[in-house]
């Protein structure tokens, strides 16, 4: 089998292309896994960061609207 591949140029190219495809696919999967982990880590750090240096996290848009309504009543 190895002699056949060694003598046939087309089989060599096919084997090299397949090997390249496998390595490229493995590198892609590794990059996606590392990218996902770093994005998750960044979200966690931003969520639990120092509250004095970061802006406060608000619950929702509805919560903001309710607070605005109460502020309007108090100020109004």
PDB file of N, CA and C in Angstrom:
ATOM      1  N   UNK A   1       0.822  -1.195   0.000  1.00  0.00           N
ATOM      2  CA  UNK A   1       0.000   0.000   0.000  1.00  0.00           C
ATOM      3  C   UNK A   1       0.866   1.260   0.000  1.00  0.00           C
ATOM      4  N   UNK A   2       1.886   1.266   0.847  1.00  0.00           N
ATOM      5  CA  UNK A   2       2.766   2.430   0.907  1.00  0.00           C
ATOM      6  C   UNK A   2       3.542   2.582  -0.399  1.00  0.00           C
ATOM      7  N   UNK A   3       3.924   1.457  -1.010  1.00  0.00           N
ATOM      8  CA  UNK A   3       4.633   1.523  -2.299  1.00  0.00           C
ATOM      9  C   UNK A   3       3.744   2.128  -3.371  1.00  0.00           C
ATOM     10  N   UNK A   4       2.460   1.787  -3.353  1.00  0.00           N
ATOM     11  CA  UNK A   4       1.521   2.337  -4.327  1.00  0.00           C
ATOM     12  C   UNK A   4       1.405   3.843  -4.170  1.00  0.00           C
ATOM     13  N   UNK A   5       1.306   4.312  -2.925  1.00  0.00           N
ATOM     14  CA  UNK A   5       1.208   5.751  -2.674  1.00  0.00           C
ATOM     15  C   UNK A   5       2.516   6.444  -3.040  1.00  0.00           C
ATOM     16  N   UNK A   6       3.641   5.822  -2.737  1.00  0.00           N
ATOM     17  CA  UNK A   6       4.945   6.421  -3.032  1.00  0.00           C
ATOM     18  C   UNK A   6       5.184   6.552  -4.526  1.00  0.00           C
ATOM     19  N   UNK A   7       4.632   5.647  -5.313  1.00  0.00           N
ATOM     20  CA  UNK A   7       4.875   5.672  -6.759  1.00  0.00           C
ATOM     21  C   UNK A   7       3.851   6.515  -7.507  1.00  0.00           C
ATOM     22  N   UNK A   8       2.672   6.692  -6.997  1.00  0.00           N
ATOM     23  CA  UNK A   8       1.605   7.388  -7.705  1.00  0.00           C
ATOM     24  C   UNK A   8       1.506   8.837  -7.192  1.00  0.00           C
ATOM     25  N   UNK A   9       1.791   9.767  -8.078  1.00  0.00           N
ATOM     26  CA  UNK A   9       1.797  11.185  -7.715  1.00  0.00           C
ATOM     27  C   UNK A   9       0.391  11.670  -7.323  1.00  0.00           C
ATOM     28  N   UNK A  10      -0.648  11.196  -8.021  1.00  0.00           N
ATOM     29  CA  UNK A  10      -2.012  11.622  -7.721  1.00  0.00           C
ATOM     30  C   UNK A  10      -2.426  11.154  -6.329  1.00  0.00           C
ATOM     31  N   UNK A  11      -2.093   9.954  -5.936  1.00  0.00           N
ATOM     32  CA  UNK A  11      -2.420   9.471  -4.603  1.00  0.00           C
ATOM     33  C   UNK A  11      -1.665  10.238  -3.527  1.00  0.00           C
ATOM     34  N   UNK A  12      -0.445  10.640  -3.815  1.00  0.00           N
ATOM     35  CA  UNK A  12       0.313  11.471  -2.868  1.00  0.00           C
ATOM     36  C   UNK A  12      -0.399  12.797  -2.628  1.00  0.00           C
ATOM     37  N   UNK A  13      -0.831  13.425  -3.710  1.00  0.00           N
ATOM     38  CA  UNK A  13      -1.518  14.711  -3.583  1.00  0.00           C
ATOM     39  C   UNK A  13      -2.841  14.575  -2.840  1.00  0.00           C
ATOM     40  N   UNK A  14      -3.576  13.507  -3.122  1.00  0.00           N
ATOM     41  CA  UNK A  14      -4.840  13.283  -2.426  1.00  0.00           C
ATOM     42  C   UNK A  14      -4.591  13.062  -0.940  1.00  0.00           C
ATOM     43  N   UNK A  15      -3.581  12.278  -0.617  1.00  0.00           N
ATOM     44  CA  UNK A  15      -3.256  12.017   0.784  1.00  0.00           C
ATOM     45  C   UNK A  15      -2.820  13.294   1.496  1.00  0.00           C
ATOM     46  N   UNK A  16      -1.992  14.100   0.838  1.00  0.00           N
ATOM     47  CA  UNK A  16      -1.559  15.365   1.446  1.00  0.00           C
ATOM     48  C   UNK A  16      -2.728  16.333   1.627  1.00  0.00           C
ATOM     49  N   UNK A  17      -3.628  16.389   0.651  1.00  0.00           N
ATOM     50  CA  UNK A  17      -4.801  17.266   0.768  1.00  0.00           C
ATOM     51  C   UNK A  17      -5.704  16.804   1.908  1.00  0.00           C
ATOM     52  N   UNK A  18      -5.884  15.505   2.046  1.00  0.00           N
ATOM     53  CA  UNK A  18      -6.708  14.984   3.139  1.00  0.00           C
ATOM     54  C   UNK A  18      -6.063  15.277   4.487  1.00  0.00           C
ATOM     55  N   UNK A  19      -4.765  15.103   4.582  1.00  0.00           N
ATOM     56  CA  UNK A  19      -4.055  15.400   5.821  1.00  0.00           C
ATOM     57  C   UNK A  19      -4.159  16.881   6.165  1.00  0.00           C
ATOM     58  N   UNK A  20      -4.007  17.738   5.162  1.00  0.00           N
ATOM     59  CA  UNK A  20      -4.166  19.171   5.385  1.00  0.00           C
ATOM     60  C   UNK A  20      -5.576  19.493   5.882  1.00  0.00           C
ATOM     61  N   UNK A  21      -6.580  18.874   5.290  1.00  0.00           N
ATOM     62  CA  UNK A  21      -7.960  19.102   5.698  1.00  0.00           C
ATOM     63  C   UNK A  21      -8.213  18.685   7.141  1.00  0.00           C
ATOM     64  N   UNK A  22      -7.655  17.546   7.533  1.00  0.00           N
ATOM     65  CA  UNK A  22      -7.837  17.078   8.906  1.00  0.00           C
ATOM     66  C   UNK A  22      -7.167  18.027   9.891  1.00  0.00           C
ATOM     67  N   UNK A  23      -5.957  18.457   9.602  1.00  0.00           N
ATOM     68  CA  UNK A  23      -5.239  19.367  10.496  1.00  0.00           C
ATOM     69  C   UNK A  23      -5.931  20.725  10.556  1.00  0.00           C
ATOM     70  N   UNK A  24      -6.385  21.236   9.420  1.00  0.00           N
ATOM     71  CA  UNK A  24      -7.074  22.528   9.402  1.00  0.00           C
ATOM     72  C   UNK A  24      -8.385  22.456  10.189  1.00  0.00           C
ATOM     73  N   UNK A  25      -9.122  21.367  10.047  1.00  0.00           N
ATOM     74  CA  UNK A  25     -10.376  21.198  10.774  1.00  0.00           C
ATOM     75  C   UNK A  25     -10.118  21.108  12.275  1.00  0.00           C
ATOM     76  N   UNK A  26      -9.079  20.391  12.671  1.00  0.00           N
ATOM     77  CA  UNK A  26      -8.739  20.287  14.095  1.00  0.00           C
ATOM     78  C   UNK A  26      -8.340  21.657  14.652  1.00  0.00           C
ATOM     79  N   UNK A  27      -7.583  22.429  13.886  1.00  0.00           N
ATOM     80  CA  UNK A  27      -7.196  23.766  14.330  1.00  0.00           C
ATOM     81  C   UNK A  27      -8.418  24.674  14.448  1.00  0.00           C
ATOM     82  N   UNK A  28      -9.359  24.546  13.532  1.00  0.00           N
ATOM     83  CA  UNK A  28     -10.588  25.334  13.586  1.00  0.00           C
ATOM     84  C   UNK A  28     -11.389  25.000  14.846  1.00  0.00           C
ATOM     85  N   UNK A  29     -11.540  23.704  15.125  1.00  0.00           N
ATOM     86  CA  UNK A  29     -12.287  23.303  16.319  1.00  0.00           C
ATOM     87  C   UNK A  29     -11.612  23.803  17.595  1.00  0.00           C
ATOM     88  N   UNK A  30     -10.301  23.738  17.631  1.00  0.00           N
ATOM     89  CA  UNK A  30      -9.558  24.221  18.790  1.00  0.00           C
ATOM     90  C   UNK A  30      -9.735  25.729  18.958  1.00  0.00           C
ATOM     91  N   UNK A  31      -9.664  26.472  17.867  1.00  0.00           N
ATOM     92  CA  UNK A  31      -9.835  27.922  17.933  1.00  0.00           C
ATOM     93  C   UNK A  31     -11.246  28.287  18.388  1.00  0.00           C
ATOM     94  N   UNK A  32     -12.244  27.558  17.916  1.00  0.00           N
ATOM     95  CA  UNK A  32     -13.619  27.833  18.341  1.00  0.00           C
ATOM     96  C   UNK A  32     -13.796  27.533  19.825  1.00  0.00           C
ATOM     97  N   UNK A  33     -13.210  26.457  20.308  1.00  0.00           N
ATOM     98  CA  UNK A  33     -13.336  26.104  21.726  1.00  0.00           C
ATOM     99  C   UNK A  33     -12.651  27.145  22.598  1.00  0.00           C
ATOM    100  N   UNK A  34     -11.468  27.583  22.208  1.00  0.00           N
ATOM    101  CA  UNK A  34     -10.752  28.585  22.994  1.00  0.00           C
ATOM    102  C   UNK A  34     -11.452  29.938  22.934  1.00  0.00           C
ATOM    103  N   UNK A  35     -12.015  30.277  21.787  1.00  0.00           N
ATOM    104  CA  UNK A  35     -12.741  31.535  21.657  1.00  0.00           C
ATOM    105  C   UNK A  35     -13.987  31.559  22.518  1.00  0.00           C
ATOM    106  N   UNK A  36     -14.683  30.448  22.584  1.00  0.00           N
ATOM    107  CA  UNK A  36     -15.880  30.356  23.407  1.00  0.00           C
ATOM    108  C   UNK A  36     -15.522  30.478  24.879  1.00  0.00           C
ATOM    109  N   UNK A  37     -14.447  29.810  25.281  1.00  0.00           N
ATOM    110  CA  UNK A  37     -14.035  29.877  26.686  1.00  0.00           C
ATOM    111  C   UNK A  37     -13.623  31.288  27.065  1.00  0.00           C
ATOM    112  N   UNK A  38     -12.894  31.971  26.189  1.00  0.00           N
ATOM    113  CA  UNK A  38     -12.458  33.321  26.538  1.00  0.00           C
ATOM    114  C   UNK A  38     -13.645  34.287  26.580  1.00  0.00           C
ATOM    115  N   UNK A  39     -14.615  34.094  25.704  1.00  0.00           N
ATOM    116  CA  UNK A  39     -15.804  34.954  25.733  1.00  0.00           C
ATOM    117  C   UNK A  39     -16.600  34.725  27.012  1.00  0.00           C
ATOM    118  N   UNK A  40     -16.730  33.461  27.413  1.00  0.00           N
ATOM    119  CA  UNK A  40     -17.438  33.179  28.659  1.00  0.00           C
ATOM    120  C   UNK A  40     -16.691  33.748  29.853  1.00  0.00           C
ATOM    121  N   UNK A  41     -15.384  33.630  29.849  1.00  0.00           N
ATOM    122  CA  UNK A  41     -14.579  34.167  30.950  1.00  0.00           C
ATOM    123  C   UNK A  41     -14.718  35.683  31.014  1.00  0.00           C
ATOM    124  N   UNK A  42     -14.714  36.345  29.870  1.00  0.00           N
ATOM    125  CA  UNK A  42     -14.850  37.803  29.841  1.00  0.00           C
ATOM    126  C   UNK A  42     -16.211  38.230  30.372  1.00  0.00           C
ATOM    127  N   UNK A  43     -17.280  37.493  30.001  1.00  0.00           N
ATOM    128  CA  UNK A  43     -18.616  37.810  30.522  1.00  0.00           C
ATOM    129  C   UNK A  43     -18.673  37.641  32.023  1.00  0.00           C
ATOM    130  N   UNK A  44     -18.042  36.595  32.530  1.00  0.00           N
ATOM    131  CA  UNK A  44     -18.050  36.382  33.975  1.00  0.00           C
ATOM    132  C   UNK A  44     -17.276  37.467  34.708  1.00  0.00           C
ATOM    133  N   UNK A  45     -16.144  37.862  34.158  1.00  0.00           N
ATOM    134  CA  UNK A  45     -15.339  38.907  34.799  1.00  0.00           C
ATOM    135  C   UNK A  45     -16.087  40.233  34.779  1.00  0.00           C
ATOM    136  N   UNK A  46     -16.738  40.554  33.676  1.00  0.00           N
ATOM    137  CA  UNK A  46     -17.497  41.801  33.605  1.00  0.00           C
ATOM    138  C   UNK A  46     -18.684  41.778  34.553  1.00  0.00           C
ATOM    139  N   UNK A  47     -19.301  40.626  34.729  1.00  0.00           N
ATOM    140  CA  UNK A  47     -20.455  40.516  35.604  1.00  0.00           C
ATOM    141  C   UNK A  47     -20.101  40.616  37.072  1.00  0.00           C
ATOM    142  N   UNK A  48     -18.902  40.129  37.455  1.00  0.00           N
ATOM    143  CA  UNK A  48     -18.490  40.126  38.854  1.00  0.00           C
ATOM    144  C   UNK A  48     -17.359  41.104  39.124  1.00  0.00           C
ATOM    145  N   UNK A  49     -17.181  42.068  38.251  1.00  0.00           N
ATOM    146  CA  UNK A  49     -16.102  43.030  38.427  1.00  0.00           C
ATOM    147  C   UNK A  49     -16.353  43.956  39.594  1.00  0.00           C
ATOM    148  N   UNK A  50     -15.397  44.826  39.859  1.00  0.00           N
ATOM    149  CA  UNK A  50     -15.509  45.789  40.955  1.00  0.00           C
ATOM    150  C   UNK A  50     -16.659  46.741  40.656  1.00  0.00           C
ATOM    151  N   UNK A  51     -17.642  46.782  41.546  1.00  0.00           N
ATOM    152  CA  UNK A  51     -18.836  47.587  41.280  1.00  0.00           C
ATOM    153  C   UNK A  51     -18.560  49.083  41.370  1.00  0.00           C
ATOM    154  N   UNK A  52     -17.500  49.490  42.069  1.00  0.00           N
ATOM    155  CA  UNK A  52     -17.191  50.911  42.182  1.00  0.00           C
ATOM    156  C   UNK A  52     -16.652  51.463  40.862  1.00  0.00           C
ATOM    157  N   UNK A  53     -15.961  50.620  40.100  1.00  0.00           N
ATOM    158  CA  UNK A  53     -15.351  51.107  38.860  1.00  0.00           C
ATOM    159  C   UNK A  53     -16.219  50.866  37.645  1.00  0.00           C
ATOM    160  N   UNK A  54     -17.260  50.051  37.776  1.00  0.00           N
ATOM    161  CA  UNK A  54     -18.095  49.755  36.623  1.00  0.00           C
ATOM    162  C   UNK A  54     -19.472  50.374  36.803  1.00  0.00           C
ATOM    163  N   UNK A  55     -20.203  50.447  35.717  1.00  0.00           N
ATOM    164  CA  UNK A  55     -21.552  50.989  35.774  1.00  0.00           C
ATOM    165  C   UNK A  55     -22.481  49.948  36.382  1.00  0.00           C
ATOM    166  N   UNK A  56     -23.520  50.376  37.068  1.00  0.00           N
ATOM    167  CA  UNK A  56     -24.432  49.402  37.677  1.00  0.00           C
ATOM    168  C   UNK A  56     -25.174  48.606  36.616  1.00  0.00           C
ATOM    169  N   UNK A  57     -25.446  47.362  36.940  1.00  0.00           N
ATOM    170  CA  UNK A  57     -26.173  46.492  36.034  1.00  0.00           C
ATOM    171  C   UNK A  57     -27.649  46.621  36.342  1.00  0.00           C
ATOM    172  N   UNK A  58     -28.431  46.880  35.335  1.00  0.00           N
ATOM    173  CA  UNK A  58     -29.863  47.050  35.528  1.00  0.00           C
ATOM    174  C   UNK A  58     -30.579  45.768  35.142  1.00  0.00           C
ATOM    175  N   UNK A  59     -31.750  45.581  35.721  1.00  0.00           N
ATOM    176  CA  UNK A  59     -32.491  44.351  35.506  1.00  0.00           C
ATOM    177  C   UNK A  59     -33.077  44.217  34.116  1.00  0.00           C
ATOM    178  N   UNK A  60     -33.889  45.204  33.718  1.00  0.00           N
ATOM    179  CA  UNK A  60     -34.555  45.092  32.433  1.00  0.00           C
ATOM    180  C   UNK A  60     -35.082  46.458  32.022  1.00  0.00           C
ATOM    181  N   UNK A  61     -35.572  46.513  30.805  1.00  0.00           N
ATOM    182  CA  UNK A  61     -36.156  47.754  30.304  1.00  0.00           C
ATOM    183  C   UNK A  61     -37.439  48.079  31.071  1.00  0.00           C
ATOM    184  N   UNK A  62     -38.220  47.062  31.398  1.00  0.00           N
ATOM    185  CA  UNK A  62     -39.442  47.280  32.161  1.00  0.00           C
ATOM    186  C   UNK A  62     -39.115  47.860  33.532  1.00  0.00           C
ATOM    187  N   UNK A  63     -38.075  47.368  34.163  1.00  0.00           N
ATOM    188  CA  UNK A  63     -37.648  47.875  35.453  1.00  0.00           C
ATOM    189  C   UNK A  63     -37.274  49.353  35.339  1.00  0.00           C
ATOM    190  N   UNK A  64     -36.589  49.719  34.270  1.00  0.00           N
ATOM    191  CA  UNK A  64     -36.234  51.124  34.053  1.00  0.00           C
ATOM    192  C   UNK A  64     -37.474  51.983  33.865  1.00  0.00           C
ATOM    193  N   UNK A  65     -38.484  51.482  33.159  1.00  0.00           N
ATOM    194  CA  UNK A  65     -39.704  52.235  32.927  1.00  0.00           C
ATOM    195  C   UNK A  65     -40.479  52.426  34.230  1.00  0.00           C
ATOM    196  N   UNK A  66     -40.507  51.394  35.068  1.00  0.00           N
ATOM    197  CA  UNK A  66     -41.211  51.502  36.354  1.00  0.00           C
ATOM    198  C   UNK A  66     -40.508  52.518  37.235  1.00  0.00           C
ATOM    199  N   UNK A  67     -39.177  52.474  37.262  1.00  0.00           N
ATOM    200  CA  UNK A  67     -38.441  53.447  38.057  1.00  0.00           C
ATOM    201  C   UNK A  67     -38.673  54.855  37.536  1.00  0.00           C
ATOM    202  N   UNK A  68     -38.723  55.022  36.224  1.00  0.00           N
ATOM    203  CA  UNK A  68     -38.975  56.341  35.651  1.00  0.00           C
ATOM    204  C   UNK A  68     -40.367  56.835  36.027  1.00  0.00           C
ATOM    205  N   UNK A  69     -41.353  55.950  36.037  1.00  0.00           N
ATOM    206  CA  UNK A  69     -42.711  56.350  36.424  1.00  0.00           C
ATOM    207  C   UNK A  69     -42.734  56.810  37.876  1.00  0.00           C
ATOM    208  N   UNK A  70     -42.053  56.093  38.745  1.00  0.00           N
ATOM    209  CA  UNK A  70     -41.997  56.500  40.143  1.00  0.00           C
ATOM    210  C   UNK A  70     -41.258  57.829  40.291  1.00  0.00           C
ATOM    211  N   UNK A  71     -40.185  58.012  39.554  1.00  0.00           N
ATOM    212  CA  UNK A  71     -39.467  59.277  39.600  1.00  0.00           C
ATOM    213  C   UNK A  71     -40.336  60.433  39.117  1.00  0.00           C
ATOM    214  N   UNK A  72     -41.140  60.195  38.101  1.00  0.00           N
ATOM    215  CA  UNK A  72     -42.049  61.228  37.604  1.00  0.00           C
ATOM    216  C   UNK A  72     -43.073  61.607  38.666  1.00  0.00           C
ATOM    217  N   UNK A  73     -43.603  60.606  39.383  1.00  0.00           N
ATOM    218  CA  UNK A  73     -44.561  60.889  40.441  1.00  0.00           C
ATOM    219  C   UNK A  73     -43.920  61.674  41.592  1.00  0.00           C
ATOM    220  N   UNK A  74     -42.705  61.282  41.955  1.00  0.00           N
ATOM    221  CA  UNK A  74     -42.021  61.948  43.068  1.00  0.00           C
ATOM    222  C   UNK A  74     -41.626  63.367  42.685  1.00  0.00           C
ATOM    223  N   UNK A  75     -41.107  63.538  41.474  1.00  0.00           N
ATOM    224  CA  UNK A  75     -40.642  64.849  41.043  1.00  0.00           C
ATOM    225  C   UNK A  75     -41.785  65.744  40.575  1.00  0.00           C
ATOM    226  N   UNK A  76     -42.888  65.149  40.205  1.00  0.00           N
ATOM    227  CA  UNK A  76     -43.927  65.827  39.504  1.00  0.00           C
ATOM    228  C   UNK A  76     -44.849  66.683  40.160  1.00  0.00           C
TER     229      UNK A  76
END
